[in-house]
């Protein structure tokens, strides 16, 4: 049987949040991600156990693009939660359901779910288990650096500013959009480590494209 790339995620500490608001925001993030990134998936992101989703993606490169897209959407919407992701390359024995990620069986799905369970008590939010173990390790390590940046952000306070930086990049343009001085926004760019954020993303995208 062919190997596929299984992407799963669950909400970190979901029981500590307002459940109705949390589920509404979670559904919005998943729905918009599917609509905007359909070309990256063989089977769409599908909510399974309330605070988890799963899908089948084209490859590791597509998975990384989806992870970044989801993370930035959570910030933009000030959705109020973080996700823990696992990507597993493994076998799926049944036909791929292109409409919804249900009714599929195989070691790849089993291993992804087990990996998600194992990492529930870990500080690592991004785990990769690919056939190329060197690539897996490089992705885990580089995503940990990425996580060290984004998990320091105070999203509820700075989500609009961070979204502007992600979209516009240039602090001078961000300052103009927000009606702030260039000096103010330059200082925030440094304190939020925006340049390091883009460098980390570039590195991770590069690693994801390696064979």
N, C-alpha and C. Protein backbone atom coordinates (compact mmCIF):
# COMPACT_ATOMS: atom_id res chain seq x y z
N UNK A 1 0.84 -1.20 0.00
CA UNK A 1 0.00 0.00 0.00
C UNK A 1 0.88 1.25 0.00
N UNK A 2 0.33 2.31 -0.55
CA UNK A 2 1.05 3.57 -0.67
C UNK A 2 1.14 4.30 0.67
N UNK A 3 2.25 5.02 0.85
CA UNK A 3 2.38 5.89 2.03
C UNK A 3 1.64 7.20 1.80
N UNK A 4 1.03 7.70 2.86
CA UNK A 4 0.35 8.99 2.82
C UNK A 4 0.83 9.83 4.01
N UNK A 5 0.51 11.12 3.95
CA UNK A 5 0.91 12.05 5.01
C UNK A 5 -0.33 12.43 5.82
N UNK A 6 -0.37 11.96 7.05
CA UNK A 6 -1.51 12.18 7.94
C UNK A 6 -1.20 13.35 8.87
N UNK A 7 -2.02 14.39 8.81
CA UNK A 7 -1.86 15.54 9.69
C UNK A 7 -2.99 15.53 10.71
N UNK A 8 -2.63 15.51 11.98
CA UNK A 8 -3.60 15.59 13.07
C UNK A 8 -3.21 16.72 14.02
N UNK A 9 -4.22 17.24 14.71
CA UNK A 9 -3.95 18.29 15.70
C UNK A 9 -5.03 18.26 16.77
N UNK A 10 -4.68 18.70 17.95
CA UNK A 10 -5.68 18.89 19.00
C UNK A 10 -5.40 20.19 19.74
N UNK A 11 -6.41 20.65 20.44
CA UNK A 11 -6.30 21.91 21.17
C UNK A 11 -5.55 21.68 22.48
N UNK A 12 -4.58 22.52 22.76
CA UNK A 12 -3.82 22.44 24.00
C UNK A 12 -4.67 22.97 25.15
N UNK A 13 -4.81 22.18 26.21
CA UNK A 13 -5.56 22.59 27.40
C UNK A 13 -6.98 23.05 27.07
N UNK A 14 -7.67 22.29 26.25
CA UNK A 14 -9.01 22.70 25.81
C UNK A 14 -10.01 22.79 26.96
N UNK A 15 -9.81 22.01 28.02
CA UNK A 15 -10.78 22.00 29.12
C UNK A 15 -10.73 23.27 29.96
N UNK A 16 -9.70 24.08 29.77
CA UNK A 16 -9.59 25.31 30.57
C UNK A 16 -10.32 26.49 29.93
N UNK A 17 -10.89 26.28 28.76
CA UNK A 17 -11.46 27.39 28.00
C UNK A 17 -12.99 27.38 28.04
N UNK A 18 -13.58 28.51 27.63
CA UNK A 18 -15.01 28.61 27.42
C UNK A 18 -15.36 27.68 26.26
N UNK A 19 -16.05 26.57 26.55
CA UNK A 19 -16.24 25.51 25.56
C UNK A 19 -17.01 25.96 24.33
N UNK A 20 -18.08 26.72 24.50
CA UNK A 20 -18.88 27.14 23.35
C UNK A 20 -18.10 28.04 22.42
N UNK A 21 -17.42 29.02 22.99
CA UNK A 21 -16.62 29.93 22.18
C UNK A 21 -15.45 29.19 21.54
N UNK A 22 -14.83 28.31 22.31
CA UNK A 22 -13.70 27.54 21.81
C UNK A 22 -14.09 26.71 20.59
N UNK A 23 -15.19 25.96 20.70
CA UNK A 23 -15.62 25.10 19.60
C UNK A 23 -16.04 25.90 18.38
N UNK A 24 -16.68 27.04 18.61
CA UNK A 24 -17.07 27.90 17.49
C UNK A 24 -15.85 28.41 16.74
N UNK A 25 -14.85 28.89 17.48
CA UNK A 25 -13.63 29.39 16.85
C UNK A 25 -12.85 28.26 16.17
N UNK A 26 -12.83 27.09 16.81
CA UNK A 26 -12.12 25.93 16.24
C UNK A 26 -12.75 25.53 14.90
N UNK A 27 -14.07 25.46 14.87
CA UNK A 27 -14.77 25.11 13.63
C UNK A 27 -14.51 26.14 12.53
N UNK A 28 -14.47 27.41 12.91
CA UNK A 28 -14.19 28.47 11.93
C UNK A 28 -12.80 28.32 11.35
N UNK A 29 -11.81 28.08 12.20
CA UNK A 29 -10.43 27.92 11.74
C UNK A 29 -10.33 26.74 10.77
N UNK A 30 -10.92 25.61 11.12
CA UNK A 30 -10.84 24.41 10.27
C UNK A 30 -11.57 24.64 8.95
N UNK A 31 -12.76 25.21 9.02
CA UNK A 31 -13.55 25.45 7.81
C UNK A 31 -12.85 26.40 6.84
N UNK A 32 -12.34 27.51 7.35
CA UNK A 32 -11.66 28.48 6.50
C UNK A 32 -10.35 27.91 5.95
N UNK A 33 -9.66 27.12 6.74
CA UNK A 33 -8.42 26.49 6.28
C UNK A 33 -8.70 25.56 5.10
N UNK A 34 -9.74 24.75 5.20
CA UNK A 34 -10.10 23.85 4.11
C UNK A 34 -10.46 24.63 2.85
N UNK A 35 -11.22 25.70 3.01
CA UNK A 35 -11.66 26.49 1.86
C UNK A 35 -10.48 27.16 1.16
N UNK A 36 -9.55 27.67 1.94
CA UNK A 36 -8.44 28.45 1.38
C UNK A 36 -7.27 27.60 0.91
N UNK A 37 -7.19 26.33 1.35
CA UNK A 37 -6.00 25.51 1.06
C UNK A 37 -6.36 24.15 0.48
N UNK A 38 -7.45 24.08 -0.22
CA UNK A 38 -7.94 22.80 -0.75
C UNK A 38 -6.90 22.06 -1.58
N UNK A 39 -6.06 22.82 -2.31
CA UNK A 39 -5.08 22.20 -3.20
C UNK A 39 -3.97 21.48 -2.46
N UNK A 40 -3.84 21.70 -1.15
CA UNK A 40 -2.78 21.07 -0.36
C UNK A 40 -3.20 19.74 0.25
N UNK A 41 -4.48 19.36 0.09
CA UNK A 41 -5.02 18.21 0.81
C UNK A 41 -5.63 17.17 -0.12
N UNK A 42 -5.44 15.90 0.24
CA UNK A 42 -6.12 14.80 -0.44
C UNK A 42 -7.47 14.52 0.23
N UNK A 43 -7.52 14.71 1.54
CA UNK A 43 -8.75 14.58 2.32
C UNK A 43 -8.77 15.74 3.31
N UNK A 44 -9.86 16.50 3.37
CA UNK A 44 -9.85 17.76 4.12
C UNK A 44 -9.73 17.58 5.63
N UNK A 45 -9.27 18.64 6.27
CA UNK A 45 -9.21 18.65 7.73
C UNK A 45 -10.63 18.44 8.27
N UNK A 46 -10.79 17.43 9.11
CA UNK A 46 -12.11 17.05 9.61
C UNK A 46 -12.06 16.94 11.12
N UNK A 47 -12.96 17.65 11.81
CA UNK A 47 -13.01 17.58 13.27
C UNK A 47 -13.55 16.21 13.67
N UNK A 48 -12.82 15.52 14.55
CA UNK A 48 -13.17 14.15 14.91
C UNK A 48 -13.69 14.02 16.33
N UNK A 49 -12.90 14.39 17.32
CA UNK A 49 -13.26 14.18 18.72
C UNK A 49 -13.55 15.48 19.46
N UNK A 50 -14.15 16.43 18.78
CA UNK A 50 -14.49 17.69 19.42
C UNK A 50 -13.37 18.69 19.40
N UNK A 51 -12.22 18.33 20.00
CA UNK A 51 -11.10 19.27 20.04
C UNK A 51 -9.92 18.77 19.20
N UNK A 52 -10.19 17.85 18.25
CA UNK A 52 -9.15 17.32 17.38
C UNK A 52 -9.60 17.38 15.92
N UNK A 53 -8.63 17.46 15.02
CA UNK A 53 -8.96 17.26 13.61
C UNK A 53 -7.91 16.38 12.96
N UNK A 54 -8.28 15.81 11.82
CA UNK A 54 -7.34 15.02 11.04
C UNK A 54 -7.61 15.23 9.56
N UNK A 55 -6.57 15.02 8.75
CA UNK A 55 -6.71 15.11 7.31
C UNK A 55 -5.52 14.44 6.64
N UNK A 56 -5.62 14.24 5.34
CA UNK A 56 -4.53 13.67 4.56
C UNK A 56 -4.01 14.76 3.64
N UNK A 57 -2.73 15.07 3.73
CA UNK A 57 -2.15 16.16 2.95
C UNK A 57 -1.24 15.61 1.87
N UNK A 58 -0.89 16.48 0.92
CA UNK A 58 -0.11 16.04 -0.25
C UNK A 58 1.26 15.49 0.13
N UNK A 59 1.95 16.22 1.01
CA UNK A 59 3.33 15.88 1.37
C UNK A 59 3.75 16.72 2.57
N UNK A 60 5.01 16.60 2.98
CA UNK A 60 5.49 17.36 4.14
C UNK A 60 5.47 18.86 3.88
N UNK A 61 5.80 19.25 2.65
CA UNK A 61 5.77 20.67 2.29
C UNK A 61 4.37 21.24 2.46
N UNK A 62 3.37 20.51 1.99
CA UNK A 62 1.98 20.96 2.14
C UNK A 62 1.58 21.03 3.61
N UNK A 63 2.03 20.06 4.40
CA UNK A 63 1.70 20.03 5.83
C UNK A 63 2.23 21.27 6.54
N UNK A 64 3.48 21.63 6.24
CA UNK A 64 4.08 22.81 6.87
C UNK A 64 3.33 24.07 6.46
N UNK A 65 2.97 24.18 5.19
CA UNK A 65 2.20 25.35 4.74
C UNK A 65 0.87 25.43 5.46
N UNK A 66 0.23 24.28 5.65
CA UNK A 66 -1.05 24.26 6.36
C UNK A 66 -0.88 24.65 7.82
N UNK A 67 0.15 24.13 8.46
CA UNK A 67 0.40 24.47 9.86
C UNK A 67 0.57 25.98 10.02
N UNK A 68 1.38 26.58 9.16
CA UNK A 68 1.59 28.03 9.25
C UNK A 68 0.30 28.79 8.97
N UNK A 69 -0.45 28.34 7.98
CA UNK A 69 -1.72 28.98 7.65
C UNK A 69 -2.69 28.93 8.83
N UNK A 70 -2.77 27.77 9.46
CA UNK A 70 -3.66 27.60 10.61
C UNK A 70 -3.21 28.47 11.78
N UNK A 71 -1.91 28.46 12.07
CA UNK A 71 -1.38 29.24 13.18
C UNK A 71 -1.65 30.74 12.98
N UNK A 72 -1.45 31.22 11.76
CA UNK A 72 -1.65 32.64 11.49
C UNK A 72 -3.13 33.00 11.50
N UNK A 73 -3.98 32.08 11.12
CA UNK A 73 -5.42 32.33 11.18
C UNK A 73 -5.89 32.41 12.64
N UNK A 74 -5.36 31.55 13.49
CA UNK A 74 -5.69 31.60 14.92
C UNK A 74 -5.32 32.96 15.51
N UNK A 75 -4.18 33.49 15.10
CA UNK A 75 -3.76 34.81 15.56
C UNK A 75 -4.69 35.88 15.02
N UNK A 76 -4.93 35.85 13.71
CA UNK A 76 -5.77 36.87 13.06
C UNK A 76 -7.16 36.93 13.69
N UNK A 77 -7.73 35.77 13.99
CA UNK A 77 -9.08 35.71 14.57
C UNK A 77 -9.08 35.90 16.08
N UNK A 78 -7.89 35.98 16.69
CA UNK A 78 -7.78 36.00 18.15
C UNK A 78 -8.64 34.88 18.74
N UNK A 79 -8.42 33.68 18.19
CA UNK A 79 -9.30 32.54 18.49
C UNK A 79 -9.16 32.03 19.91
N UNK A 80 -8.05 32.33 20.57
CA UNK A 80 -7.93 32.01 21.99
C UNK A 80 -7.49 30.60 22.32
N UNK A 81 -6.83 29.93 21.39
CA UNK A 81 -6.30 28.59 21.69
C UNK A 81 -5.04 28.34 20.88
N UNK A 82 -4.29 27.32 21.32
CA UNK A 82 -3.12 26.83 20.59
C UNK A 82 -3.38 25.38 20.20
N UNK A 83 -2.70 24.94 19.14
CA UNK A 83 -2.85 23.57 18.68
C UNK A 83 -1.55 22.80 18.81
N UNK A 84 -1.68 21.51 19.01
CA UNK A 84 -0.55 20.57 18.99
C UNK A 84 -0.70 19.74 17.71
N UNK A 85 0.35 19.72 16.88
CA UNK A 85 0.28 19.06 15.58
C UNK A 85 1.18 17.83 15.53
N UNK A 86 0.73 16.81 14.79
CA UNK A 86 1.61 15.69 14.43
C UNK A 86 1.43 15.42 12.94
N UNK A 87 2.54 15.12 12.28
CA UNK A 87 2.51 14.69 10.89
C UNK A 87 3.19 13.33 10.81
N UNK A 88 2.48 12.34 10.31
CA UNK A 88 3.01 10.98 10.20
C UNK A 88 2.92 10.52 8.75
N UNK A 89 4.01 9.99 8.24
CA UNK A 89 4.02 9.38 6.91
C UNK A 89 3.85 7.88 7.10
N UNK A 90 2.74 7.34 6.61
CA UNK A 90 2.48 5.92 6.83
C UNK A 90 1.42 5.38 5.90
N UNK A 91 1.12 4.12 6.05
CA UNK A 91 0.20 3.41 5.16
C UNK A 91 -1.26 3.70 5.52
N UNK A 92 -2.09 3.79 4.50
CA UNK A 92 -3.54 3.81 4.66
C UNK A 92 -4.09 2.71 3.77
N UNK A 93 -4.80 1.77 4.37
CA UNK A 93 -5.23 0.56 3.67
C UNK A 93 -6.51 0.76 2.87
N UNK A 94 -7.31 1.72 3.27
CA UNK A 94 -8.61 1.94 2.63
C UNK A 94 -8.50 3.08 1.63
N UNK A 95 -9.48 3.21 0.71
CA UNK A 95 -9.46 4.34 -0.23
C UNK A 95 -9.50 5.68 0.52
N UNK A 96 -8.84 6.68 -0.05
CA UNK A 96 -8.84 8.02 0.55
C UNK A 96 -10.20 8.67 0.32
N UNK A 97 -10.82 9.10 1.41
CA UNK A 97 -12.10 9.80 1.32
C UNK A 97 -11.82 11.27 1.03
N UNK A 98 -12.15 11.71 -0.18
CA UNK A 98 -11.82 13.06 -0.60
C UNK A 98 -12.82 14.10 -0.13
N UNK A 99 -13.90 13.65 0.47
CA UNK A 99 -14.95 14.56 0.94
C UNK A 99 -14.79 14.89 2.41
N UNK A 100 -14.48 13.88 3.21
CA UNK A 100 -14.35 14.05 4.66
C UNK A 100 -13.37 12.99 5.17
N UNK A 101 -12.57 13.35 6.16
CA UNK A 101 -11.50 12.44 6.63
C UNK A 101 -12.04 11.42 7.64
N UNK A 102 -13.03 10.65 7.20
CA UNK A 102 -13.61 9.56 7.98
C UNK A 102 -13.49 8.26 7.21
N UNK A 103 -13.80 7.15 7.89
CA UNK A 103 -13.92 5.83 7.26
C UNK A 103 -12.65 5.42 6.52
N UNK A 104 -11.51 5.74 7.11
CA UNK A 104 -10.22 5.32 6.57
C UNK A 104 -9.45 4.59 7.66
N UNK A 105 -8.71 3.56 7.27
CA UNK A 105 -7.96 2.75 8.22
C UNK A 105 -6.54 2.53 7.72
N UNK A 106 -5.61 2.38 8.66
CA UNK A 106 -4.23 2.09 8.28
C UNK A 106 -3.26 2.49 9.37
N UNK A 107 -2.04 1.96 9.26
CA UNK A 107 -1.02 2.23 10.27
C UNK A 107 -0.71 3.71 10.40
N UNK A 108 -0.76 4.44 9.29
CA UNK A 108 -0.46 5.87 9.32
C UNK A 108 -1.38 6.63 10.25
N UNK A 109 -2.68 6.34 10.16
CA UNK A 109 -3.67 6.98 11.02
C UNK A 109 -3.50 6.55 12.48
N UNK A 110 -3.25 5.26 12.68
CA UNK A 110 -3.05 4.74 14.04
C UNK A 110 -1.83 5.38 14.70
N UNK A 111 -0.73 5.46 13.96
CA UNK A 111 0.50 6.03 14.49
C UNK A 111 0.35 7.52 14.78
N UNK A 112 -0.40 8.22 13.93
CA UNK A 112 -0.61 9.65 14.16
C UNK A 112 -1.41 9.88 15.44
N UNK A 113 -2.46 9.08 15.62
CA UNK A 113 -3.27 9.24 16.83
C UNK A 113 -2.47 8.90 18.09
N UNK A 114 -1.65 7.86 18.00
CA UNK A 114 -0.80 7.49 19.14
C UNK A 114 0.20 8.60 19.45
N UNK A 115 0.79 9.19 18.41
CA UNK A 115 1.76 10.27 18.61
C UNK A 115 1.10 11.48 19.26
N UNK A 116 -0.13 11.78 18.85
CA UNK A 116 -0.85 12.90 19.43
C UNK A 116 -1.10 12.65 20.92
N UNK A 117 -1.48 11.43 21.26
CA UNK A 117 -1.73 11.08 22.66
C UNK A 117 -0.46 11.15 23.49
N UNK A 118 0.64 10.65 22.95
CA UNK A 118 1.92 10.64 23.66
C UNK A 118 2.38 12.06 23.98
N UNK A 119 2.14 13.00 23.05
CA UNK A 119 2.66 14.35 23.21
C UNK A 119 1.71 15.30 23.95
N UNK A 120 0.60 14.77 24.47
CA UNK A 120 -0.32 15.63 25.23
C UNK A 120 0.34 16.22 26.47
N UNK A 121 1.29 15.52 27.04
CA UNK A 121 1.97 16.01 28.24
C UNK A 121 3.34 16.58 27.95
N UNK A 122 3.59 16.88 26.68
CA UNK A 122 4.88 17.42 26.26
C UNK A 122 4.75 18.91 25.98
N UNK A 123 5.86 19.63 26.11
CA UNK A 123 5.88 21.05 25.76
C UNK A 123 6.03 21.26 24.26
N UNK A 124 6.34 20.20 23.53
CA UNK A 124 6.52 20.30 22.08
C UNK A 124 5.16 20.30 21.40
N UNK A 125 4.90 21.29 20.57
CA UNK A 125 3.61 21.39 19.89
C UNK A 125 3.64 20.88 18.44
N UNK A 126 4.83 20.49 17.97
CA UNK A 126 4.94 20.05 16.58
C UNK A 126 5.82 18.79 16.52
N UNK A 127 5.23 17.70 16.03
CA UNK A 127 5.96 16.43 15.97
C UNK A 127 5.84 15.85 14.56
N UNK A 128 6.97 15.35 14.04
CA UNK A 128 7.01 14.79 12.70
C UNK A 128 7.59 13.38 12.75
N UNK A 129 6.94 12.44 12.08
CA UNK A 129 7.44 11.07 11.96
C UNK A 129 7.35 10.68 10.49
N UNK A 130 8.44 10.95 9.76
CA UNK A 130 8.50 10.68 8.32
C UNK A 130 9.42 9.50 8.07
N UNK A 131 9.37 8.97 6.86
CA UNK A 131 10.27 7.88 6.50
C UNK A 131 11.73 8.34 6.59
N UNK A 132 11.98 9.59 6.21
CA UNK A 132 13.31 10.19 6.33
C UNK A 132 13.47 10.71 7.76
N UNK A 133 14.14 9.95 8.62
CA UNK A 133 14.23 10.30 10.03
C UNK A 133 15.08 11.55 10.27
N UNK A 134 16.09 11.77 9.41
CA UNK A 134 16.90 12.98 9.54
C UNK A 134 16.05 14.22 9.27
N UNK A 135 15.21 14.14 8.26
CA UNK A 135 14.30 15.25 7.94
C UNK A 135 13.29 15.46 9.07
N UNK A 136 12.79 14.36 9.62
CA UNK A 136 11.86 14.47 10.76
C UNK A 136 12.49 15.22 11.92
N UNK A 137 13.72 14.84 12.26
CA UNK A 137 14.41 15.47 13.38
C UNK A 137 14.67 16.95 13.10
N UNK A 138 15.05 17.26 11.86
CA UNK A 138 15.31 18.66 11.50
C UNK A 138 14.03 19.48 11.61
N UNK A 139 12.91 18.92 11.20
CA UNK A 139 11.63 19.64 11.31
C UNK A 139 11.21 19.82 12.76
N UNK A 140 11.36 18.79 13.57
CA UNK A 140 11.02 18.90 15.00
C UNK A 140 11.85 20.00 15.66
N UNK A 141 13.16 20.00 15.40
CA UNK A 141 14.05 20.97 16.04
C UNK A 141 13.79 22.39 15.56
N UNK A 142 13.60 22.56 14.25
CA UNK A 142 13.36 23.91 13.72
C UNK A 142 11.99 24.44 14.14
N UNK A 143 11.00 23.55 14.23
CA UNK A 143 9.69 23.99 14.70
C UNK A 143 9.71 24.33 16.19
N UNK A 144 10.61 23.71 16.94
CA UNK A 144 10.74 24.07 18.36
C UNK A 144 11.28 25.49 18.49
N UNK A 145 12.20 25.88 17.61
CA UNK A 145 12.69 27.26 17.59
C UNK A 145 11.56 28.22 17.23
N UNK A 146 10.80 27.84 16.22
CA UNK A 146 9.62 28.64 15.82
C UNK A 146 8.66 28.79 17.00
N UNK A 147 8.40 27.69 17.69
CA UNK A 147 7.49 27.70 18.83
C UNK A 147 7.99 28.63 19.94
N UNK A 148 9.31 28.67 20.13
CA UNK A 148 9.87 29.53 21.19
C UNK A 148 9.59 31.00 20.92
N UNK A 149 9.39 31.34 19.66
CA UNK A 149 9.05 32.73 19.30
C UNK A 149 7.56 32.97 19.49
N UNK A 150 6.73 32.16 18.85
CA UNK A 150 5.29 32.44 18.83
C UNK A 150 4.63 32.22 20.19
N UNK A 151 5.15 31.30 20.99
CA UNK A 151 4.53 31.07 22.30
C UNK A 151 4.85 32.17 23.30
N UNK A 152 5.77 33.06 22.96
CA UNK A 152 6.05 34.22 23.79
C UNK A 152 5.12 35.39 23.48
N UNK A 153 4.41 35.32 22.37
CA UNK A 153 3.53 36.41 21.98
C UNK A 153 2.29 36.45 22.88
N UNK A 154 1.85 37.65 23.22
CA UNK A 154 0.60 37.86 23.96
C UNK A 154 -0.49 38.12 22.92
N UNK A 155 -1.08 37.04 22.42
CA UNK A 155 -1.99 37.14 21.28
C UNK A 155 -3.21 38.00 21.60
N UNK A 156 -3.81 37.83 22.77
CA UNK A 156 -5.02 38.57 23.10
C UNK A 156 -4.77 40.07 23.09
N UNK A 157 -3.56 40.49 23.38
CA UNK A 157 -3.19 41.91 23.42
C UNK A 157 -2.68 42.41 22.07
N UNK A 158 -1.92 41.57 21.37
CA UNK A 158 -1.18 42.04 20.19
C UNK A 158 -1.61 41.40 18.88
N UNK A 159 -2.76 40.71 18.86
CA UNK A 159 -3.12 39.95 17.65
C UNK A 159 -3.21 40.84 16.41
N UNK A 160 -3.73 42.06 16.56
CA UNK A 160 -3.86 42.93 15.39
C UNK A 160 -2.49 43.38 14.89
N UNK A 161 -1.61 43.75 15.81
CA UNK A 161 -0.26 44.17 15.44
C UNK A 161 0.50 43.02 14.78
N UNK A 162 0.44 41.83 15.37
CA UNK A 162 1.16 40.68 14.81
C UNK A 162 0.61 40.32 13.43
N UNK A 163 -0.71 40.37 13.28
CA UNK A 163 -1.32 40.10 11.98
C UNK A 163 -0.83 41.08 10.93
N UNK A 164 -0.70 42.35 11.31
CA UNK A 164 -0.19 43.36 10.37
C UNK A 164 1.25 43.05 9.98
N UNK A 165 2.07 42.67 10.95
CA UNK A 165 3.46 42.32 10.64
C UNK A 165 3.52 41.12 9.69
N UNK A 166 2.69 40.11 9.95
CA UNK A 166 2.69 38.92 9.10
C UNK A 166 2.27 39.26 7.67
N UNK A 167 1.29 40.13 7.55
CA UNK A 167 0.76 40.48 6.23
C UNK A 167 1.64 41.48 5.49
N UNK A 168 2.16 42.48 6.20
CA UNK A 168 2.84 43.60 5.56
C UNK A 168 4.36 43.55 5.67
N UNK A 169 4.86 42.93 6.73
CA UNK A 169 6.29 42.74 7.01
C UNK A 169 7.03 44.03 7.34
N UNK A 170 6.89 45.07 6.54
CA UNK A 170 7.65 46.31 6.70
C UNK A 170 7.09 47.12 7.89
N UNK A 171 7.91 47.35 8.90
CA UNK A 171 7.44 48.04 10.10
C UNK A 171 6.96 49.45 9.79
N UNK A 172 7.53 50.08 8.75
CA UNK A 172 7.11 51.44 8.38
C UNK A 172 5.68 51.45 7.86
N UNK A 173 5.34 50.44 7.07
CA UNK A 173 3.97 50.32 6.55
C UNK A 173 3.01 49.97 7.68
N UNK A 174 3.44 49.11 8.58
CA UNK A 174 2.62 48.74 9.74
C UNK A 174 2.34 49.97 10.60
N UNK A 175 3.36 50.78 10.82
CA UNK A 175 3.19 52.00 11.62
C UNK A 175 2.16 52.93 10.98
N UNK A 176 2.24 53.07 9.66
CA UNK A 176 1.30 53.93 8.95
C UNK A 176 -0.13 53.39 9.07
N UNK A 177 -0.28 52.08 8.92
CA UNK A 177 -1.61 51.46 9.00
C UNK A 177 -2.23 51.63 10.38
N UNK A 178 -1.39 51.57 11.41
CA UNK A 178 -1.89 51.63 12.79
C UNK A 178 -1.90 53.05 13.36
N UNK A 179 -1.38 54.00 12.60
CA UNK A 179 -1.33 55.37 13.09
C UNK A 179 -0.35 55.57 14.23
N UNK A 180 0.73 54.78 14.22
CA UNK A 180 1.77 54.87 15.25
C UNK A 180 3.05 55.42 14.64
N UNK A 181 3.99 55.82 15.50
CA UNK A 181 5.27 56.30 14.99
C UNK A 181 6.12 55.10 14.55
N UNK A 182 7.03 55.37 13.62
CA UNK A 182 7.91 54.30 13.15
C UNK A 182 8.78 53.76 14.29
N UNK A 183 9.18 54.66 15.18
CA UNK A 183 10.01 54.25 16.31
C UNK A 183 9.27 53.26 17.21
N UNK A 184 7.99 53.56 17.48
CA UNK A 184 7.19 52.67 18.32
C UNK A 184 7.09 51.27 17.72
N UNK A 185 6.78 51.23 16.43
CA UNK A 185 6.56 49.94 15.78
C UNK A 185 7.88 49.21 15.54
N UNK A 186 8.95 49.94 15.30
CA UNK A 186 10.27 49.31 15.16
C UNK A 186 10.64 48.58 16.46
N UNK A 187 10.37 49.23 17.59
CA UNK A 187 10.66 48.60 18.89
C UNK A 187 9.82 47.35 19.10
N UNK A 188 8.54 47.40 18.69
CA UNK A 188 7.68 46.23 18.82
C UNK A 188 8.13 45.10 17.89
N UNK A 189 8.59 45.47 16.71
CA UNK A 189 9.11 44.47 15.78
C UNK A 189 10.26 43.70 16.41
N UNK A 190 11.13 44.42 17.10
CA UNK A 190 12.28 43.78 17.75
C UNK A 190 11.84 42.94 18.94
N UNK A 191 10.95 43.46 19.76
CA UNK A 191 10.54 42.73 20.96
C UNK A 191 9.73 41.48 20.62
N UNK A 192 9.00 41.53 19.52
CA UNK A 192 8.22 40.37 19.08
C UNK A 192 9.03 39.39 18.24
N UNK A 193 10.27 39.79 17.93
CA UNK A 193 11.17 38.94 17.12
C UNK A 193 10.55 38.57 15.77
N UNK A 194 10.04 39.59 15.09
CA UNK A 194 9.38 39.36 13.81
C UNK A 194 10.36 38.87 12.75
N UNK A 195 11.55 39.44 12.70
CA UNK A 195 12.55 38.99 11.72
C UNK A 195 12.92 37.53 11.97
N UNK A 196 13.09 37.18 13.24
CA UNK A 196 13.41 35.79 13.58
C UNK A 196 12.25 34.85 13.19
N UNK A 197 11.03 35.34 13.34
CA UNK A 197 9.85 34.56 12.95
C UNK A 197 9.89 34.21 11.47
N UNK A 198 10.13 35.20 10.64
CA UNK A 198 10.18 34.95 9.19
C UNK A 198 11.37 34.08 8.81
N UNK A 199 12.48 34.26 9.50
CA UNK A 199 13.66 33.41 9.23
C UNK A 199 13.36 31.96 9.58
N UNK A 200 12.71 31.74 10.71
CA UNK A 200 12.36 30.38 11.12
C UNK A 200 11.41 29.74 10.12
N UNK A 201 10.41 30.49 9.67
CA UNK A 201 9.48 29.97 8.67
C UNK A 201 10.19 29.60 7.38
N UNK A 202 11.10 30.45 6.95
CA UNK A 202 11.85 30.19 5.72
C UNK A 202 12.67 28.91 5.84
N UNK A 203 13.33 28.74 6.98
CA UNK A 203 14.14 27.54 7.22
C UNK A 203 13.26 26.29 7.23
N UNK A 204 12.13 26.35 7.90
CA UNK A 204 11.24 25.19 8.00
C UNK A 204 10.66 24.83 6.63
N UNK A 205 10.27 25.83 5.86
CA UNK A 205 9.78 25.56 4.51
C UNK A 205 10.85 24.89 3.66
N UNK A 206 12.09 25.35 3.80
CA UNK A 206 13.20 24.75 3.05
C UNK A 206 13.37 23.27 3.43
N UNK A 207 13.38 23.00 4.73
CA UNK A 207 13.55 21.61 5.19
C UNK A 207 12.41 20.73 4.68
N UNK A 208 11.20 21.28 4.68
CA UNK A 208 10.03 20.49 4.27
C UNK A 208 10.09 20.08 2.81
N UNK A 209 10.86 20.81 2.00
CA UNK A 209 10.96 20.51 0.58
C UNK A 209 12.06 19.50 0.26
N UNK A 210 12.89 19.17 1.25
CA UNK A 210 13.96 18.20 1.02
C UNK A 210 13.37 16.82 0.76
N UNK A 211 14.02 15.99 -0.06
CA UNK A 211 13.49 14.66 -0.36
C UNK A 211 13.47 13.74 0.87
